[in-house]
Amino acid sequence: MSAQDSPSSSTACSASSESDVLRWSGRDTGWLSNLFGTAVGAGVLYLPINAGRVGFIPLVIIALLAGPMIWFAHRNLTRFCLVAERPDADITATMTDRFGQQAGSLLTLAYFLSIYPILLLYAIGLTNVTEQFFRYQLEWPAPHRSVISFVLLAALVIVISKGERWVLSAVESLVMPLVVILIGISLYLIPQWHLDHLFLMPAPTELAMSAFIIIPMLIFSFNHSPACSAFAQAYRMVCRDTALCARKTDRILAVNAGLLLMVVMLFVFSCVLSLTPAEIQVALQENLPVLSVFASREGAGFFALIASVIAFLAITSSFFGVYMGSIEGVGGLFSLLAKRVTSIPVHSDASTRIAKVLIFLSCWLAACLNLSVIGVIEGLLAPLLAVILFFMPVYGYYTIPELKRYRNPVSDVFTVASGVIAISGFIVSKWL
């Protein structure tokens, strides 16, 4: 978010009491919705199928491990963004300022490559979901893909260009129905639970291997790092006391992590208990979302409609956070490139405008052509995201003086180990 989208610096922490700063506000609810929406993409519909193969009790254990992994990593990344040398600096500028030009350039490139392909996938997914909704739910002739994608992307970009308040209101209006639907489905499925699943335990070696693969999947399914920089910047602009600002953002992130685990894992647990081993196996082989499995049951066709609604809400809410991260990545790369070629610094507003144009055109082109970018995402996302999310902030704790206060050897080792598991588990899953 730009400085003009935030309240003036006259409302900085120095002019407010600590209790006023820490008091929960409507703005906090909006950012909570943005973080939650960024994390919950359409992948939530595939998560129960992949998670169901380990059994219920192991899944509970895995979820309890994934919770701290998600919380520590995103808290650390946000804290890193809070210690920017300039109030209006985004994560790419902060990495360059703190780690130097060369390391900052490499990290900016890694940040861009870990986020931008996801945005392309969301642009394609939104177009596909809308096109299928016209054809199969409304039974109307679908407009051409170029028209659908242009209208959708233009509407989303217009909302984002209106500023922080519009974005937070839009995301909140998307996330609330999504939460209600996910909880509603979870409760609806309770009469169909197979309670014998509660006592199924795979062999120790199978359990260990499944956990090794599924923990990274849960971590990346709950990833909301693209929104962390804008989140930190928004609060840094109104609270110049970094330590107090960190307490504020820590609290919002903690509530978000709890909400993610409660809502999404309730949905996953309920779906897992409602599926038979045969259904899980078929879904794995055919790469079906969980609601398509339920829709195939006699008299349950409404799940097909619900699946489209969930996918649209989830992808749209995720789009806002990932878009903001992509703008920072493209703008940061453009500034670095322009400075290297011309030796003249490019104003951040100019690089942001250029980034917006390039991102809109590339997303529209990808959606029109229905490009297959899943392979690109799978090849780049895990290792690069782990570097940005798990490794870089911890390294900053031990190299940046302003972050020294947050050093905790136990949680730092746990976070780095989580990143190693995320990368290695992802790689192993590609071999199986």
Protein backbone atom coordinates (compact mmCIF):
# COMPACT_ATOMS: atom_id res chain seq x y z
CA MET A 1 0.00 0.00 0.00
CA SER A 2 1.22 3.46 -0.73
CA ALA A 3 1.70 6.10 1.89
CA GLN A 4 -1.32 8.05 0.69
CA ASP A 5 -3.54 5.05 1.41
CA SER A 6 -2.56 5.10 5.08
CA PRO A 7 -3.49 7.59 7.76
CA SER A 8 -1.02 10.40 8.19
CA SER A 9 2.02 10.00 10.32
CA SER A 10 0.45 12.38 12.84
CA THR A 11 -1.33 9.33 14.16
CA ALA A 12 1.99 7.65 14.91
CA CYS A 13 2.50 5.68 18.06
CA SER A 14 4.20 8.58 19.79
CA ALA A 15 0.84 10.38 19.79
CA SER A 16 -1.10 7.38 21.03
CA SER A 17 -1.01 5.31 24.16
CA GLU A 18 0.14 1.71 24.02
CA SER A 19 -3.37 0.49 24.77
CA ASP A 20 -4.77 2.52 21.86
CA VAL A 21 -2.27 0.97 19.46
CA LEU A 22 -2.84 -2.59 20.66
CA ARG A 23 -6.64 -2.32 20.82
CA TRP A 24 -8.31 -4.44 18.14
CA SER A 25 -9.87 -2.33 15.36
CA GLY A 26 -11.83 -2.73 12.17
CA ARG A 27 -8.61 -2.24 10.25
CA ASP A 28 -7.13 -5.22 12.07
CA THR A 29 -10.12 -7.32 11.04
CA GLY A 30 -9.61 -6.23 7.45
CA TRP A 31 -5.96 -7.25 7.46
CA LEU A 32 -6.84 -10.50 9.21
CA SER A 33 -9.22 -11.22 6.34
CA ASN A 34 -6.53 -10.31 3.80
CA LEU A 35 -3.97 -12.64 5.37
CA PHE A 36 -6.53 -15.44 5.69
CA GLY A 37 -7.76 -14.94 2.13
CA THR A 38 -4.22 -14.93 0.74
CA ALA A 39 -3.54 -18.26 2.45
CA VAL A 40 -6.73 -20.07 1.45
CA GLY A 41 -6.63 -20.62 -2.29
CA ALA A 42 -8.52 -23.16 -4.35
CA GLY A 43 -6.03 -25.76 -3.11
CA VAL A 44 -8.25 -26.17 -0.05
CA LEU A 45 -10.47 -28.37 -2.23
CA TYR A 46 -7.57 -30.77 -2.90
CA LEU A 47 -6.09 -30.71 0.58
CA PRO A 48 -8.46 -33.31 2.15
CA ILE A 49 -7.70 -35.84 -0.60
CA ASN A 50 -3.94 -35.59 -0.19
CA ALA A 51 -4.10 -35.40 3.60
CA GLY A 52 -6.57 -38.28 3.91
CA ARG A 53 -4.06 -40.94 2.96
CA VAL A 54 -2.29 -40.79 6.34
CA GLY A 55 -5.33 -41.44 8.54
CA PHE A 56 -7.08 -39.18 11.02
CA ILE A 57 -4.87 -39.34 14.12
CA PRO A 58 -1.60 -38.83 12.20
CA LEU A 59 -3.26 -35.94 10.38
CA VAL A 60 -4.07 -34.29 13.72
CA ILE A 61 -0.45 -34.66 14.80
CA ILE A 62 0.78 -33.24 11.49
CA ALA A 63 -1.61 -30.28 11.79
CA LEU A 64 -0.32 -29.51 15.30
CA LEU A 65 3.21 -29.43 13.92
CA ALA A 66 2.27 -27.34 10.88
CA GLY A 67 0.63 -24.68 13.08
CA PRO A 68 3.84 -23.45 14.74
CA MET A 69 5.69 -23.74 11.42
CA ILE A 70 3.20 -21.37 9.80
CA TRP A 71 3.10 -18.99 12.76
CA PHE A 72 6.87 -18.62 13.33
CA ALA A 73 7.71 -18.22 9.64
CA HIS A 74 5.17 -15.50 8.84
CA ARG A 75 5.78 -13.69 12.14
CA ASN A 76 9.52 -13.58 11.38
CA LEU A 77 8.99 -12.34 7.83
CA THR A 78 6.67 -9.56 9.02
CA ARG A 79 9.14 -8.51 11.73
CA PHE A 80 11.86 -8.34 9.09
CA CYS A 81 9.70 -6.05 6.95
CA LEU A 82 9.00 -3.81 9.96
CA VAL A 83 12.67 -2.80 10.34
CA ALA A 84 12.90 -1.13 6.93
CA GLU A 85 15.21 1.86 6.94
CA ARG A 86 12.59 3.93 5.09
CA PRO A 87 8.94 4.09 6.25
CA ASP A 88 7.55 3.50 2.75
CA ALA A 89 9.99 0.72 1.78
CA ASP A 90 8.61 -2.64 0.69
CA ILE A 91 10.30 -6.00 1.21
CA THR A 92 12.50 -5.73 -1.89
CA ALA A 93 13.90 -2.36 -0.80
CA THR A 94 14.38 -3.66 2.74
CA MET A 95 16.32 -6.70 1.54
CA THR A 96 18.59 -4.48 -0.57
CA ASP A 97 19.10 -1.93 2.22
CA ARG A 98 19.85 -4.55 4.86
CA PHE A 99 21.86 -7.15 2.94
CA GLY A 100 23.55 -5.03 0.27
CA GLN A 101 23.03 -4.57 -3.45
CA GLN A 102 24.19 -7.98 -4.64
CA ALA A 103 22.44 -10.12 -2.03
CA GLY A 104 19.38 -7.88 -2.19
CA SER A 105 19.15 -8.34 -5.95
CA LEU A 106 19.30 -12.13 -5.66
CA LEU A 107 16.69 -12.16 -2.88
CA THR A 108 14.44 -9.82 -4.85
CA LEU A 109 14.63 -12.19 -7.82
CA ALA A 110 13.85 -15.16 -5.54
CA TYR A 111 10.91 -13.27 -4.03
CA PHE A 112 9.55 -12.45 -7.48
CA LEU A 113 9.90 -16.03 -8.74
CA SER A 114 8.23 -17.46 -5.63
CA ILE A 115 5.12 -15.29 -6.03
CA TYR A 116 4.57 -14.21 -9.63
CA PRO A 117 3.80 -17.69 -11.08
CA ILE A 118 1.09 -18.09 -8.43
CA LEU A 119 -0.54 -14.88 -9.66
CA LEU A 120 -0.56 -16.24 -13.23
CA LEU A 121 -2.16 -19.45 -11.96
CA TYR A 122 -4.85 -17.47 -10.12
CA ALA A 123 -5.61 -15.39 -13.22
CA ILE A 124 -6.00 -18.60 -15.24
CA GLY A 125 -8.00 -20.28 -12.48
CA LEU A 126 -10.43 -17.36 -12.13
CA THR A 127 -11.08 -17.41 -15.86
CA ASN A 128 -11.58 -21.18 -15.91
CA VAL A 129 -13.95 -21.20 -12.93
CA THR A 130 -16.04 -18.38 -14.38
CA GLU A 131 -16.14 -20.00 -17.82
CA GLN A 132 -17.22 -23.34 -16.36
CA PHE A 133 -19.84 -21.64 -14.20
CA PHE A 134 -21.44 -20.12 -17.30
CA ARG A 135 -21.44 -23.43 -19.16
CA TYR A 136 -22.35 -25.98 -16.51
CA GLN A 137 -24.17 -24.17 -13.72
CA LEU A 138 -25.99 -21.40 -15.63
CA GLU A 139 -26.04 -23.39 -18.91
CA TRP A 140 -25.38 -20.19 -20.84
CA PRO A 141 -22.93 -19.66 -23.70
CA ALA A 142 -19.69 -18.50 -22.09
CA PRO A 143 -18.09 -15.27 -23.33
CA HIS A 144 -14.68 -15.58 -24.93
CA ARG A 145 -11.82 -16.17 -22.50
CA SER A 146 -10.23 -12.86 -23.43
CA VAL A 147 -13.40 -11.00 -22.39
CA ILE A 148 -13.88 -12.94 -19.15
CA SER A 149 -10.27 -12.52 -18.05
CA PHE A 150 -10.11 -8.83 -18.99
CA VAL A 151 -13.29 -7.97 -17.05
CA LEU A 152 -12.26 -9.99 -13.98
CA LEU A 153 -8.70 -8.67 -13.86
CA ALA A 154 -9.77 -5.10 -14.54
CA ALA A 155 -12.33 -5.23 -11.73
CA LEU A 156 -9.78 -6.61 -9.25
CA VAL A 157 -7.10 -4.11 -10.25
CA ILE A 158 -9.58 -1.21 -9.95
CA VAL A 159 -10.43 -2.29 -6.40
CA ILE A 160 -6.72 -2.52 -5.51
CA SER A 161 -6.00 0.89 -7.05
CA LYS A 162 -8.61 2.48 -4.78
CA GLY A 163 -6.34 1.89 -1.81
CA GLU A 164 -6.10 -0.05 1.42
CA ARG A 165 -9.63 0.56 2.66
CA TRP A 166 -11.24 -0.74 -0.54
CA VAL A 167 -8.99 -3.80 -0.63
CA LEU A 168 -9.65 -4.73 2.98
CA SER A 169 -13.41 -4.26 2.55
CA ALA A 170 -13.42 -6.35 -0.63
CA VAL A 171 -11.39 -9.17 0.91
CA GLU A 172 -13.51 -9.17 4.05
CA SER A 173 -16.66 -9.51 1.93
CA LEU A 174 -15.11 -12.51 0.18
CA VAL A 175 -13.57 -14.23 3.18
CA MET A 176 -16.62 -14.20 5.43
CA PRO A 177 -18.83 -16.21 3.00
CA LEU A 178 -15.88 -18.56 2.41
CA VAL A 179 -15.51 -19.22 6.14
CA VAL A 180 -19.25 -19.76 6.55
CA ILE A 181 -19.39 -22.20 3.60
CA LEU A 182 -16.37 -24.21 4.78
CA ILE A 183 -17.73 -24.50 8.32
CA GLY A 184 -21.20 -25.26 6.97
CA ILE A 185 -19.92 -28.13 4.81
CA SER A 186 -17.87 -29.45 7.73
CA LEU A 187 -20.95 -29.61 9.95
CA TYR A 188 -23.14 -30.97 7.15
CA LEU A 189 -20.82 -33.94 6.70
CA ILE A 190 -20.85 -34.99 10.37
CA PRO A 191 -23.67 -37.58 9.93
CA GLN A 192 -21.56 -39.20 7.17
CA TRP A 193 -18.44 -39.65 9.29
CA HIS A 194 -16.88 -43.10 9.39
CA LEU A 195 -15.82 -43.21 13.02
CA ASP A 196 -13.70 -46.30 12.43
CA HIS A 197 -11.29 -43.97 10.59
CA LEU A 198 -10.37 -42.54 13.97
CA PHE A 199 -8.49 -45.72 14.85
CA LEU A 200 -6.73 -46.36 11.54
CA MET A 201 -2.96 -46.11 11.84
CA PRO A 202 -0.54 -46.69 8.97
CA ALA A 203 2.70 -48.57 9.48
CA PRO A 204 5.46 -46.45 11.12
CA THR A 205 7.53 -46.17 7.95
CA GLU A 206 4.48 -45.27 5.87
CA LEU A 207 3.41 -42.73 8.49
CA ALA A 208 6.85 -41.11 8.56
CA MET A 209 7.04 -40.85 4.78
CA SER A 210 3.47 -39.53 4.46
CA ALA A 211 4.10 -36.95 7.17
CA PHE A 212 7.33 -35.92 5.46
CA ILE A 213 5.39 -35.23 2.27
CA ILE A 214 2.19 -33.77 3.74
CA ILE A 215 3.79 -31.28 6.16
CA PRO A 216 5.25 -29.22 3.25
CA MET A 217 1.87 -29.40 1.51
CA LEU A 218 0.14 -27.95 4.58
CA ILE A 219 2.78 -25.26 4.97
CA PHE A 220 2.49 -24.12 1.36
CA SER A 221 -1.31 -24.42 1.43
CA PHE A 222 -1.35 -21.93 4.32
CA ASN A 223 1.28 -19.62 2.84
CA HIS A 224 0.36 -15.94 3.07
CA SER A 225 3.86 -14.47 2.72
CA PRO A 226 2.92 -12.36 -0.36
CA ALA A 227 0.75 -10.17 1.88
CA CYS A 228 3.26 -9.83 4.74
CA SER A 229 5.22 -6.93 3.25
CA ALA A 230 2.16 -4.77 2.53
CA PHE A 231 0.78 -5.79 5.94
CA ALA A 232 3.95 -4.65 7.72
CA GLN A 233 4.20 -1.48 5.66
CA ALA A 234 0.61 -0.49 6.43
CA TYR A 235 1.19 -0.68 10.17
CA ARG A 236 4.71 0.75 10.03
CA MET A 237 3.33 3.90 8.39
CA VAL A 238 1.10 4.61 11.40
CA CYS A 239 3.24 3.17 14.19
CA ARG A 240 6.88 4.22 14.16
CA ASP A 241 7.68 2.30 17.36
CA THR A 242 8.93 -0.93 15.78
CA ALA A 243 8.68 -3.04 18.94
CA LEU A 244 5.10 -1.94 19.62
CA CYS A 245 4.20 -2.38 15.96
CA ALA A 246 5.64 -5.89 16.08
CA ARG A 247 3.43 -6.73 19.07
CA LYS A 248 0.43 -5.51 17.09
CA THR A 249 1.21 -7.48 13.94
CA ASP A 250 2.24 -10.56 15.98
CA ARG A 251 -1.21 -10.61 17.52
CA ILE A 252 -3.00 -10.36 14.17
CA LEU A 253 -0.81 -13.10 12.69
CA ALA A 254 -1.45 -15.34 15.70
CA VAL A 255 -5.22 -14.94 15.33
CA ASN A 256 -4.87 -15.62 11.60
CA ALA A 257 -2.86 -18.80 12.18
CA GLY A 258 -5.44 -20.01 14.69
CA LEU A 259 -8.31 -19.20 12.34
CA LEU A 260 -6.60 -20.99 9.46
CA LEU A 261 -6.06 -24.13 11.50
CA MET A 262 -9.55 -24.08 12.97
CA VAL A 263 -11.54 -23.45 9.77
CA VAL A 264 -9.44 -25.24 7.16
CA MET A 265 -8.45 -28.21 9.29
CA LEU A 266 -12.06 -28.62 10.50
CA PHE A 267 -13.01 -28.83 6.83
CA VAL A 268 -10.16 -31.25 6.11
CA PHE A 269 -10.91 -33.45 9.14
CA SER A 270 -14.62 -33.60 8.34
CA CYS A 271 -13.97 -34.48 4.70
CA VAL A 272 -11.39 -37.14 5.62
CA LEU A 273 -13.79 -38.80 8.04
CA SER A 274 -16.53 -38.74 5.38
CA LEU A 275 -14.46 -40.34 2.60
CA THR A 276 -13.91 -44.04 2.07
CA PRO A 277 -10.40 -45.35 1.27
CA ALA A 278 -11.66 -46.25 -2.22
CA GLU A 279 -12.87 -42.68 -2.84
CA ILE A 280 -9.55 -41.25 -1.69
CA GLN A 281 -7.67 -43.58 -3.99
CA VAL A 282 -9.82 -42.68 -7.02
CA ALA A 283 -9.51 -38.98 -6.28
CA LEU A 284 -5.72 -39.26 -5.99
CA GLN A 285 -5.47 -41.10 -9.29
CA GLU A 286 -7.74 -38.68 -11.15
CA ASN A 287 -6.59 -35.51 -9.31
CA LEU A 288 -10.16 -34.65 -8.27
CA PRO A 289 -11.10 -31.98 -5.70
CA VAL A 290 -12.91 -33.33 -2.67
CA LEU A 291 -16.28 -31.74 -3.49
CA SER A 292 -16.26 -33.43 -6.89
CA VAL A 293 -16.03 -36.75 -5.04
CA PHE A 294 -19.04 -35.83 -2.92
CA ALA A 295 -20.89 -34.56 -5.99
CA SER A 296 -20.48 -37.97 -7.65
CA ARG A 297 -22.56 -39.55 -4.90
CA GLU A 298 -26.23 -40.01 -5.67
CA GLY A 299 -28.38 -36.99 -4.87
CA ALA A 300 -25.46 -34.74 -3.92
CA GLY A 301 -25.00 -32.77 -7.12
CA PHE A 302 -25.22 -29.44 -5.31
CA PHE A 303 -21.60 -30.02 -4.24
CA ALA A 304 -20.57 -29.22 -7.82
CA LEU A 305 -22.13 -25.76 -7.48
CA ILE A 306 -20.59 -25.21 -4.05
CA ALA A 307 -17.19 -26.20 -5.42
CA SER A 308 -17.40 -23.44 -8.04
CA VAL A 309 -18.42 -20.87 -5.42
CA ILE A 310 -15.62 -21.88 -3.03
CA ALA A 311 -13.04 -21.87 -5.81
CA PHE A 312 -14.11 -18.39 -6.97
CA LEU A 313 -14.12 -16.92 -3.44
CA ALA A 314 -10.82 -18.56 -2.51
CA ILE A 315 -8.95 -17.61 -5.68
CA THR A 316 -10.28 -14.04 -5.69
CA SER A 317 -9.42 -13.43 -2.04
CA SER A 318 -5.95 -14.92 -2.59
CA PHE A 319 -5.45 -12.80 -5.70
CA PHE A 320 -5.34 -9.52 -3.73
CA GLY A 321 -2.50 -10.57 -1.44
CA VAL A 322 -0.47 -12.26 -4.18
CA TYR A 323 -1.00 -9.28 -6.50
CA MET A 324 0.47 -6.91 -3.92
CA GLY A 325 3.48 -9.17 -3.49
CA SER A 326 3.94 -9.44 -7.25
CA ILE A 327 3.84 -5.66 -7.64
CA GLU A 328 6.64 -5.38 -5.10
CA GLY A 329 8.66 -8.09 -6.83
CA VAL A 330 8.30 -6.70 -10.35
CA GLY A 331 8.80 -3.12 -9.19
CA GLY A 332 11.89 -4.10 -7.21
CA LEU A 333 13.38 -5.96 -10.17
CA PHE A 334 12.65 -3.07 -12.53
CA SER A 335 14.28 -0.56 -10.17
CA LEU A 336 17.38 -2.74 -9.80
CA LEU A 337 17.63 -3.30 -13.55
CA ALA A 338 17.16 0.37 -14.37
CA LYS A 339 19.77 1.37 -11.81
CA ARG A 340 22.25 -1.19 -13.17
CA VAL A 341 21.73 -0.13 -16.81
CA THR A 342 21.42 3.64 -16.41
CA SER A 343 23.02 4.17 -12.96
CA ILE A 344 20.06 6.45 -12.25
CA PRO A 345 17.68 5.46 -9.45
CA VAL A 346 14.08 5.06 -10.58
CA HIS A 347 11.40 6.61 -8.40
CA SER A 348 9.36 3.95 -6.62
CA ASP A 349 6.06 5.37 -7.93
CA ALA A 350 7.28 5.05 -11.52
CA SER A 351 8.47 1.47 -11.03
CA THR A 352 5.16 0.59 -9.36
CA ARG A 353 3.13 1.97 -12.29
CA ILE A 354 5.25 0.04 -14.79
CA ALA A 355 4.93 -3.10 -12.66
CA LYS A 356 1.13 -2.79 -12.62
CA VAL A 357 0.94 -2.53 -16.40
CA LEU A 358 3.31 -5.46 -16.97
CA ILE A 359 1.51 -7.67 -14.45
CA PHE A 360 -1.94 -6.91 -15.84
CA LEU A 361 -0.89 -7.65 -19.42
CA SER A 362 0.97 -10.85 -18.50
CA CYS A 363 -1.93 -12.14 -16.38
CA TRP A 364 -4.39 -11.36 -19.16
CA LEU A 365 -2.21 -13.09 -21.74
CA ALA A 366 -1.75 -16.17 -19.53
CA ALA A 367 -5.51 -16.38 -18.92
CA CYS A 368 -6.36 -15.92 -22.62
CA LEU A 369 -3.96 -18.67 -23.65
CA ASN A 370 -4.83 -20.89 -20.66
CA LEU A 371 -1.12 -21.52 -20.14
CA SER A 372 0.01 -24.46 -18.03
CA VAL A 373 2.16 -22.90 -15.30
CA ILE A 374 1.68 -25.56 -12.65
CA GLY A 375 4.98 -27.19 -13.54
CA VAL A 376 6.76 -23.85 -13.24
CA ILE A 377 5.21 -23.25 -9.85
CA GLU A 378 6.10 -26.71 -8.62
CA GLY A 379 9.68 -26.32 -9.79
CA LEU A 380 10.27 -22.86 -8.30
CA LEU A 381 7.89 -22.28 -5.43
CA ALA A 382 9.11 -24.66 -2.73
CA PRO A 383 12.83 -23.87 -2.59
CA LEU A 384 12.53 -20.14 -3.27
CA LEU A 385 9.62 -19.66 -0.90
CA ALA A 386 11.53 -21.52 1.82
CA VAL A 387 14.49 -19.15 1.37
CA ILE A 388 12.30 -16.05 1.73
CA LEU A 389 9.93 -17.36 4.39
CA PHE A 390 12.02 -19.65 6.60
CA PHE A 391 15.70 -18.78 6.14
CA MET A 392 16.08 -15.07 5.36
CA PRO A 393 14.25 -13.62 8.41
CA VAL A 394 16.13 -15.88 10.82
CA TYR A 395 19.40 -14.84 9.18
CA GLY A 396 18.27 -11.25 9.69
CA TYR A 397 17.81 -11.88 13.42
CA TYR A 398 21.53 -12.57 13.69
CA THR A 399 22.83 -9.88 11.32
CA ILE A 400 20.52 -6.87 11.76
CA PRO A 401 20.91 -5.04 15.09
CA GLU A 402 17.26 -3.96 15.24
CA LEU A 403 16.18 -7.61 15.12
CA LYS A 404 18.54 -8.88 17.85
CA ARG A 405 15.78 -8.66 20.47
CA TYR A 406 13.81 -11.39 18.65
CA ARG A 407 16.55 -14.02 18.70
CA ASN A 408 15.36 -17.31 20.18
CA PRO A 409 17.63 -20.28 19.44
CA VAL A 410 14.88 -22.85 19.97
CA SER A 411 12.26 -21.28 17.70
CA ASP A 412 14.93 -20.19 15.20
CA VAL A 413 16.29 -23.73 14.83
CA PHE A 414 12.70 -25.02 14.57
CA THR A 415 11.94 -22.51 11.80
CA VAL A 416 15.07 -23.33 9.80
CA ALA A 417 14.37 -27.05 10.22
CA SER A 418 10.83 -26.42 8.95
CA GLY A 419 12.27 -24.85 5.82
CA VAL A 420 14.55 -27.83 5.28
CA ILE A 421 11.59 -30.20 5.69
CA ALA A 422 9.50 -28.08 3.30
CA ILE A 423 12.13 -28.27 0.56
CA SER A 424 13.21 -31.87 1.03
CA GLY A 425 9.66 -33.16 1.47
CA PHE A 426 8.62 -31.39 -1.71
CA ILE A 427 11.54 -32.86 -3.65
CA VAL A 428 10.90 -36.37 -2.31
CA SER A 429 7.22 -36.13 -3.28
CA LYS A 430 8.27 -35.59 -6.91
CA TRP A 431 10.20 -38.85 -6.89
CA LEU A 432 7.31 -40.95 -5.58
